[in-house]
Amino acid sequence: MLQDKLGRQFHYLRLSITDVCNFKCTYCLPDGYQCDTSREFLSVDEIRRLVAAFAELGTSKIRITGGEPALRKDLTEIIKVCKSTPGIKQVAMTTNGFNLENKVSEWTQAGLDALNVSIDSLKPEVFKLITGHDKLTSILRGLAKAEALGLNSIKVNTVLMQQYNASQFDEYLNWLKTNAYTLRFIELMQTGDNLSFFEQNHVSGESLKQKLLSQGWSSVIRDKAAGPAQEFYHPDYAGKIGLIMPYSKDFCASCNRLRMSALGQLHLCLFTEHGIDMRTLLQQDEQKESLKQALRLALADKTPSHLLQQGETGITQHLAMIGG
């Protein structure tokens, strides 16, 4: 089992397969994707070797991320590779949903177990304002299709922002009365290029938590391979609420996930100062033991916590860089 010096065990790998995104979300890529880095992303064979090594070190969950992973034409093959790896119990994906309606059946047949879709407003005009795309209706149809196909975990991600959608909190709750999804409110994070936007739009996750508790919501027990969200349920609602609060006390104490960039850089935290190159160890099957040893050694440098509270965002200029 991959374990750091604090005893935290890492069951969960967030695997970015591209940093390209076709949306222009105000909090991430307001000017759209800028092609200013290499686009020689990890190949299917490199991904196969990487996932196999992580699985042998105790990783049981892979989340495919981007950028927007559905922009890769070989996404279905990547899902198959991850799902067929011995030891991997769950293959999940985070997407902006632009191609969900057309492709979710194919992805599910390939082995996709869980789906997270970003929906930053339930109002089409606000959704378009935030993302630059008029795709909300199609994405909602795609969600319904995913549910009908029997995906065992469907989550909706929402970044609440003061100037855009914070006033829609109660509207989201009403939506959950009849929709059995887990809706996760993600606290807006400061990155290298968004300080002014962050200061104008940050909504405290703790304030949302207190509001939920005052309205009768109760905490859900957290699974060992779960992500960072604190989840809540209410007997009168079909869906659940998750809160991802990176500014909360002890947020990093339960960290169980590592990140691999689309260029083969291991990131011990979303807000580290640098990645650790693993790509040179992904070229041949015979390098697996060396790769596993390199991963073990890398964990020695994982810090107890990020320093977001002090405004230190590390290398992360925007969330599409490493997969969020």
Protein backbone atom coordinates (compact mmCIF):
# COMPACT_ATOMS: atom_id res chain seq x y z
CA MET A 1 0.00 0.00 0.00
CA LEU A 2 1.25 3.47 -0.89
CA GLN A 3 1.60 5.34 2.40
CA ASP A 4 3.19 8.62 3.40
CA LYS A 5 5.15 9.49 6.54
CA LEU A 6 1.93 10.57 8.30
CA GLY A 7 0.39 7.14 7.76
CA ARG A 8 -2.10 8.30 5.11
CA GLN A 9 -2.83 5.53 2.61
CA PHE A 10 -3.55 6.21 -1.05
CA HIS A 11 -6.35 4.14 -2.54
CA TYR A 12 -7.33 6.71 -5.16
CA LEU A 13 -5.58 8.04 -8.30
CA ARG A 14 -6.82 11.03 -10.26
CA LEU A 15 -5.51 10.43 -13.76
CA SER A 16 -5.56 13.36 -16.17
CA ILE A 17 -5.50 12.31 -19.82
CA THR A 18 -5.51 15.81 -21.34
CA ASP A 19 -5.26 19.40 -20.13
CA VAL A 20 -7.35 20.64 -23.08
CA CYS A 21 -10.87 21.88 -22.33
CA ASN A 22 -13.50 23.22 -24.70
CA PHE A 23 -15.39 25.21 -22.04
CA LYS A 24 -14.44 28.68 -20.84
CA CYS A 25 -15.58 28.54 -17.22
CA THR A 26 -15.17 31.85 -15.42
CA TYR A 27 -13.34 30.29 -12.46
CA CYS A 28 -10.95 28.09 -14.45
CA LEU A 29 -10.33 29.08 -18.10
CA PRO A 30 -12.16 32.37 -18.65
CA ASP A 31 -10.14 33.04 -21.81
CA GLY A 32 -10.44 29.48 -23.06
CA TYR A 33 -7.71 26.87 -23.42
CA GLN A 34 -4.30 28.29 -24.25
CA CYS A 35 -2.10 25.82 -26.13
CA ASP A 36 1.11 26.76 -24.32
CA THR A 37 2.38 23.33 -23.21
CA SER A 38 3.18 20.01 -24.88
CA ARG A 39 0.17 18.05 -26.15
CA GLU A 40 1.99 14.73 -26.24
CA PHE A 41 -0.30 13.25 -23.64
CA LEU A 42 0.09 9.83 -22.06
CA SER A 43 -0.57 7.04 -24.55
CA VAL A 44 -2.89 4.13 -23.88
CA ASP A 45 0.11 1.84 -23.30
CA GLU A 46 1.66 4.30 -20.85
CA ILE A 47 -1.65 4.54 -19.02
CA ARG A 48 -1.92 0.74 -18.88
CA ARG A 49 1.53 0.46 -17.27
CA LEU A 50 0.84 3.30 -14.87
CA VAL A 51 -2.51 1.95 -13.67
CA ALA A 52 -1.09 -1.56 -13.26
CA ALA A 53 1.70 -0.25 -11.01
CA PHE A 54 -0.68 1.78 -8.88
CA ALA A 55 -3.06 -1.18 -8.57
CA GLU A 56 -0.24 -3.41 -7.31
CA LEU A 57 0.48 -0.75 -4.69
CA GLY A 58 -3.08 -0.85 -3.36
CA THR A 59 -4.90 1.72 -5.49
CA SER A 60 -8.47 0.56 -6.06
CA LYS A 61 -10.08 3.64 -7.63
CA ILE A 62 -9.12 5.52 -10.79
CA ARG A 63 -10.77 8.81 -11.70
CA ILE A 64 -10.20 9.91 -15.29
CA THR A 65 -9.99 13.70 -15.52
CA GLY A 66 -8.80 16.53 -17.75
CA GLY A 67 -9.13 19.25 -18.97
CA GLU A 68 -12.07 17.55 -20.60
CA PRO A 69 -11.37 13.82 -20.99
CA ALA A 70 -14.09 13.36 -23.63
CA LEU A 71 -11.95 15.36 -26.05
CA ARG A 72 -9.70 12.30 -26.40
CA LYS A 73 -10.90 10.01 -29.18
CA ASP A 74 -9.48 6.98 -27.36
CA LEU A 75 -11.33 7.69 -24.09
CA THR A 76 -13.42 4.51 -24.38
CA GLU A 77 -10.26 2.42 -24.78
CA ILE A 78 -8.70 4.13 -21.75
CA ILE A 79 -11.77 3.28 -19.65
CA LYS A 80 -11.48 -0.37 -20.77
CA VAL A 81 -7.79 -0.48 -19.88
CA CYS A 82 -8.39 0.90 -16.40
CA LYS A 83 -11.38 -1.34 -15.71
CA SER A 84 -9.59 -4.51 -16.85
CA THR A 85 -6.60 -3.91 -14.54
CA PRO A 86 -6.55 -6.43 -11.65
CA GLY A 87 -7.14 -4.64 -8.36
CA ILE A 88 -9.04 -1.66 -9.78
CA LYS A 89 -12.54 -1.83 -8.32
CA GLN A 90 -13.94 1.45 -9.59
CA VAL A 91 -13.36 3.58 -12.68
CA ALA A 92 -14.86 7.04 -12.41
CA MET A 93 -14.72 10.09 -14.66
CA THR A 94 -15.19 13.83 -14.24
CA THR A 95 -16.53 15.64 -17.31
CA ASN A 96 -18.09 18.93 -18.31
CA GLY A 97 -20.77 16.80 -19.98
CA PHE A 98 -20.61 18.29 -23.47
CA ASN A 99 -20.62 14.81 -25.08
CA LEU A 100 -22.41 12.94 -22.30
CA GLU A 101 -25.72 12.44 -24.06
CA ASN A 102 -24.03 10.90 -27.11
CA LYS A 103 -21.33 8.82 -25.45
CA VAL A 104 -22.43 7.71 -21.97
CA SER A 105 -23.76 4.36 -23.24
CA GLU A 106 -20.41 3.60 -24.89
CA TRP A 107 -18.48 4.59 -21.77
CA THR A 108 -20.70 2.49 -19.53
CA GLN A 109 -20.26 -0.56 -21.74
CA ALA A 110 -16.49 -0.03 -21.54
CA GLY A 111 -16.65 -0.31 -17.75
CA LEU A 112 -17.28 3.18 -16.36
CA ASP A 113 -18.70 2.82 -12.84
CA ALA A 114 -19.10 6.38 -11.63
CA LEU A 115 -19.63 9.77 -13.21
CA ASN A 116 -19.15 13.34 -11.99
CA VAL A 117 -20.60 16.08 -14.20
CA SER A 118 -20.00 19.80 -13.71
CA ILE A 119 -23.25 21.80 -13.73
CA ASP A 120 -22.69 25.28 -12.35
CA SER A 121 -26.28 26.44 -12.79
CA LEU A 122 -29.70 24.91 -13.41
CA LYS A 123 -30.67 28.05 -15.32
CA PRO A 124 -29.65 27.79 -19.00
CA GLU A 125 -28.77 31.47 -19.31
CA VAL A 126 -26.54 31.42 -16.20
CA PHE A 127 -24.95 28.13 -17.25
CA LYS A 128 -24.03 29.70 -20.59
CA LEU A 129 -22.69 32.81 -18.84
CA ILE A 130 -20.39 30.70 -16.65
CA THR A 131 -19.22 28.13 -19.22
CA GLY A 132 -19.57 29.89 -22.57
CA HIS A 133 -21.77 27.05 -23.88
CA ASP A 134 -25.52 26.56 -24.22
CA LYS A 135 -25.38 22.85 -23.31
CA LEU A 136 -27.39 22.55 -20.09
CA THR A 137 -30.43 20.81 -21.63
CA SER A 138 -28.26 18.22 -23.37
CA ILE A 139 -26.22 17.60 -20.21
CA LEU A 140 -29.35 17.04 -18.13
CA ARG A 141 -30.59 14.54 -20.74
CA GLY A 142 -27.20 12.86 -20.52
CA LEU A 143 -27.52 12.58 -16.74
CA ALA A 144 -30.92 10.94 -17.09
CA LYS A 145 -29.49 8.55 -19.67
CA ALA A 146 -26.61 7.63 -17.34
CA GLU A 147 -29.09 6.90 -14.57
CA ALA A 148 -31.21 4.74 -16.89
CA LEU A 149 -28.08 2.78 -17.86
CA GLY A 150 -27.56 1.89 -14.21
CA LEU A 151 -24.40 3.81 -13.34
CA ASN A 152 -24.00 3.18 -9.62
CA SER A 153 -22.69 6.61 -8.75
CA ILE A 154 -23.72 9.87 -10.41
CA LYS A 155 -22.57 13.15 -8.93
CA VAL A 156 -23.04 16.74 -10.00
CA ASN A 157 -20.27 19.26 -9.26
CA THR A 158 -21.08 22.91 -8.68
CA VAL A 159 -18.74 25.76 -7.81
CA LEU A 160 -20.79 28.37 -6.00
CA MET A 161 -19.75 31.96 -6.75
CA GLN A 162 -21.13 35.13 -5.22
CA GLN A 163 -21.61 37.00 -8.50
CA TYR A 164 -23.04 34.09 -10.51
CA ASN A 165 -24.93 31.28 -8.80
CA ALA A 166 -24.70 31.55 -5.01
CA SER A 167 -28.32 32.75 -4.90
CA GLN A 168 -29.41 29.45 -6.50
CA PHE A 169 -28.48 27.28 -3.50
CA ASP A 170 -32.13 26.66 -2.52
CA GLU A 171 -33.03 25.95 -6.15
CA TYR A 172 -30.43 23.17 -6.17
CA LEU A 173 -31.87 21.74 -2.97
CA ASN A 174 -35.35 21.66 -4.47
CA TRP A 175 -33.93 19.84 -7.51
CA LEU A 176 -32.62 17.11 -5.21
CA LYS A 177 -36.06 16.35 -3.83
CA THR A 178 -36.80 14.32 -6.94
CA ASN A 179 -33.34 13.66 -8.42
CA ALA A 180 -31.30 10.92 -6.74
CA TYR A 181 -27.88 12.39 -7.50
CA THR A 182 -25.20 13.54 -5.11
CA LEU A 183 -24.79 17.28 -5.60
CA ARG A 184 -21.35 18.49 -4.53
CA PHE A 185 -20.74 22.14 -3.81
CA ILE A 186 -17.05 22.83 -4.37
CA GLU A 187 -15.58 25.81 -2.56
CA LEU A 188 -13.96 28.18 -5.04
CA MET A 189 -10.17 27.82 -4.76
CA GLN A 190 -7.54 30.45 -5.39
CA THR A 191 -5.13 29.56 -8.20
CA GLY A 192 -2.19 31.37 -9.72
CA ASP A 193 -4.27 33.46 -12.10
CA ASN A 194 -7.56 34.19 -10.31
CA LEU A 195 -6.85 36.19 -7.13
CA SER A 196 -9.21 39.07 -7.95
CA PHE A 197 -11.97 36.70 -9.09
CA PHE A 198 -11.48 34.59 -5.96
CA GLU A 199 -11.77 37.57 -3.63
CA GLN A 200 -15.00 38.72 -5.33
CA ASN A 201 -16.68 35.31 -5.56
CA HIS A 202 -15.54 32.98 -2.76
CA VAL A 203 -18.39 31.36 -0.82
CA SER A 204 -17.48 29.68 2.47
CA GLY A 205 -18.22 25.97 2.50
CA GLU A 206 -18.56 26.07 6.28
CA SER A 207 -21.48 28.48 5.98
CA LEU A 208 -23.23 26.02 3.64
CA LYS A 209 -22.57 23.17 6.09
CA GLN A 210 -24.15 25.06 8.96
CA LYS A 211 -27.18 25.88 6.81
CA LEU A 212 -27.66 22.22 5.90
CA LEU A 213 -27.34 21.06 9.50
CA SER A 214 -29.89 23.66 10.61
CA GLN A 215 -32.33 22.28 8.02
CA GLY A 216 -32.10 18.69 9.24
CA TRP A 217 -29.40 17.24 6.99
CA SER A 218 -27.18 14.54 8.57
CA SER A 219 -23.63 13.36 7.84
CA VAL A 220 -22.93 10.26 5.74
CA ILE A 221 -20.15 7.89 6.91
CA ARG A 222 -17.14 8.26 4.60
CA ASP A 223 -15.76 5.28 2.65
CA LYS A 224 -11.96 4.72 2.61
CA ALA A 225 -11.77 5.30 -1.16
CA ALA A 226 -14.10 8.30 -1.15
CA GLY A 227 -13.01 11.70 -2.34
CA PRO A 228 -12.65 14.77 -0.12
CA ALA A 229 -16.35 15.66 0.15
CA GLN A 230 -18.28 15.69 3.40
CA GLU A 231 -21.64 14.18 2.43
CA PHE A 232 -25.09 14.77 3.92
CA TYR A 233 -28.51 13.18 3.51
CA HIS A 234 -32.07 14.17 4.39
CA PRO A 235 -35.08 11.82 4.59
CA ASP A 236 -37.20 14.19 2.51
CA TYR A 237 -34.75 14.33 -0.41
CA ALA A 238 -33.98 11.74 -3.10
CA GLY A 239 -30.45 13.10 -3.55
CA LYS A 240 -27.52 13.84 -1.25
CA ILE A 241 -25.29 16.88 -0.74
CA GLY A 242 -21.50 16.86 -0.72
CA LEU A 243 -19.33 19.75 0.39
CA ILE A 244 -15.71 20.04 -0.73
CA MET A 245 -14.12 22.60 1.59
CA PRO A 246 -10.37 22.94 1.02
CA TYR A 247 -10.21 25.90 3.40
CA SER A 248 -11.69 23.95 6.32
CA LYS A 249 -9.65 22.81 9.31
CA ASP A 250 -7.95 19.40 8.84
CA PHE A 251 -9.13 19.12 5.20
CA CYS A 252 -5.88 17.34 4.28
CA ALA A 253 -5.87 14.93 7.24
CA SER A 254 -7.94 12.37 5.33
CA CYS A 255 -6.14 12.77 1.99
CA ASN A 256 -6.20 9.46 0.11
CA ARG A 257 -5.54 10.52 -3.48
CA LEU A 258 -2.63 11.23 -5.76
CA ARG A 259 -2.64 12.97 -9.12
CA MET A 260 -0.97 12.14 -12.41
CA SER A 261 -0.87 14.83 -15.07
CA ALA A 262 -1.53 14.13 -18.72
CA LEU A 263 2.22 14.51 -19.34
CA GLY A 264 3.23 11.88 -16.78
CA GLN A 265 4.02 14.14 -13.83
CA LEU A 266 3.09 12.83 -10.38
CA HIS A 267 1.57 15.53 -8.17
CA LEU A 268 1.42 14.78 -4.46
CA CYS A 269 -1.06 17.65 -4.00
CA LEU A 270 -3.10 19.85 -6.31
CA PHE A 271 -1.12 22.81 -4.96
CA THR A 272 2.45 21.48 -4.95
CA GLU A 273 5.32 23.52 -6.34
CA HIS A 274 6.31 20.89 -8.91
CA GLY A 275 5.46 17.54 -10.43
CA ILE A 276 7.68 14.45 -10.33
CA ASP A 277 8.44 12.96 -13.73
CA MET A 278 7.32 9.33 -13.99
CA ARG A 279 7.00 9.14 -17.75
CA THR A 280 10.50 7.79 -18.31
CA LEU A 281 9.42 4.71 -16.31
CA LEU A 282 6.31 4.11 -18.43
CA GLN A 283 8.01 3.09 -21.67
CA GLN A 284 8.42 -0.65 -21.10
CA ASP A 285 6.54 -3.32 -19.15
CA GLU A 286 9.86 -4.38 -17.60
CA GLN A 287 10.10 -1.04 -15.78
CA LYS A 288 7.14 -1.75 -13.49
CA GLU A 289 9.18 -2.51 -10.36
CA SER A 290 11.28 0.62 -10.87
CA LEU A 291 8.09 2.65 -11.29
CA LYS A 292 6.62 1.20 -8.10
CA GLN A 293 9.79 2.00 -6.19
CA ALA A 294 9.80 5.56 -7.53
CA LEU A 295 6.20 6.02 -6.43
CA ARG A 296 7.01 4.76 -2.92
CA LEU A 297 9.98 7.11 -2.65
CA ALA A 298 7.96 10.08 -3.88
CA LEU A 299 5.51 9.72 -1.00
CA ALA A 300 8.29 10.64 1.43
CA ASP A 301 8.00 14.23 0.21
CA LYS A 302 4.24 14.62 0.63
CA THR A 303 3.54 17.50 2.99
CA PRO A 304 0.94 17.42 5.78
CA SER A 305 -1.23 20.07 4.13
CA HIS A 306 -1.55 22.58 1.34
CA LEU A 307 -1.09 26.26 2.22
CA LEU A 308 -4.16 27.71 0.51
CA GLN A 309 -5.09 29.56 3.67
CA GLN A 310 -1.87 31.56 3.26
CA GLY A 311 -2.61 32.22 -0.42
CA GLU A 312 0.09 29.81 -1.65
CA THR A 313 -1.23 28.00 -4.74
CA GLY A 314 1.96 26.27 -5.89
CA ILE A 315 2.33 25.45 -9.56
CA THR A 316 -1.42 25.43 -10.24
CA GLN A 317 -2.27 28.33 -12.53
CA HIS A 318 -5.73 26.93 -13.28
CA LEU A 319 -7.56 23.73 -12.35
CA ALA A 320 -7.44 22.21 -15.84
CA MET A 321 -3.65 21.88 -15.55
CA ILE A 322 -3.64 18.80 -13.32
CA GLY A 323 -7.24 17.64 -13.33
CA GLY A 324 -8.67 19.45 -10.31
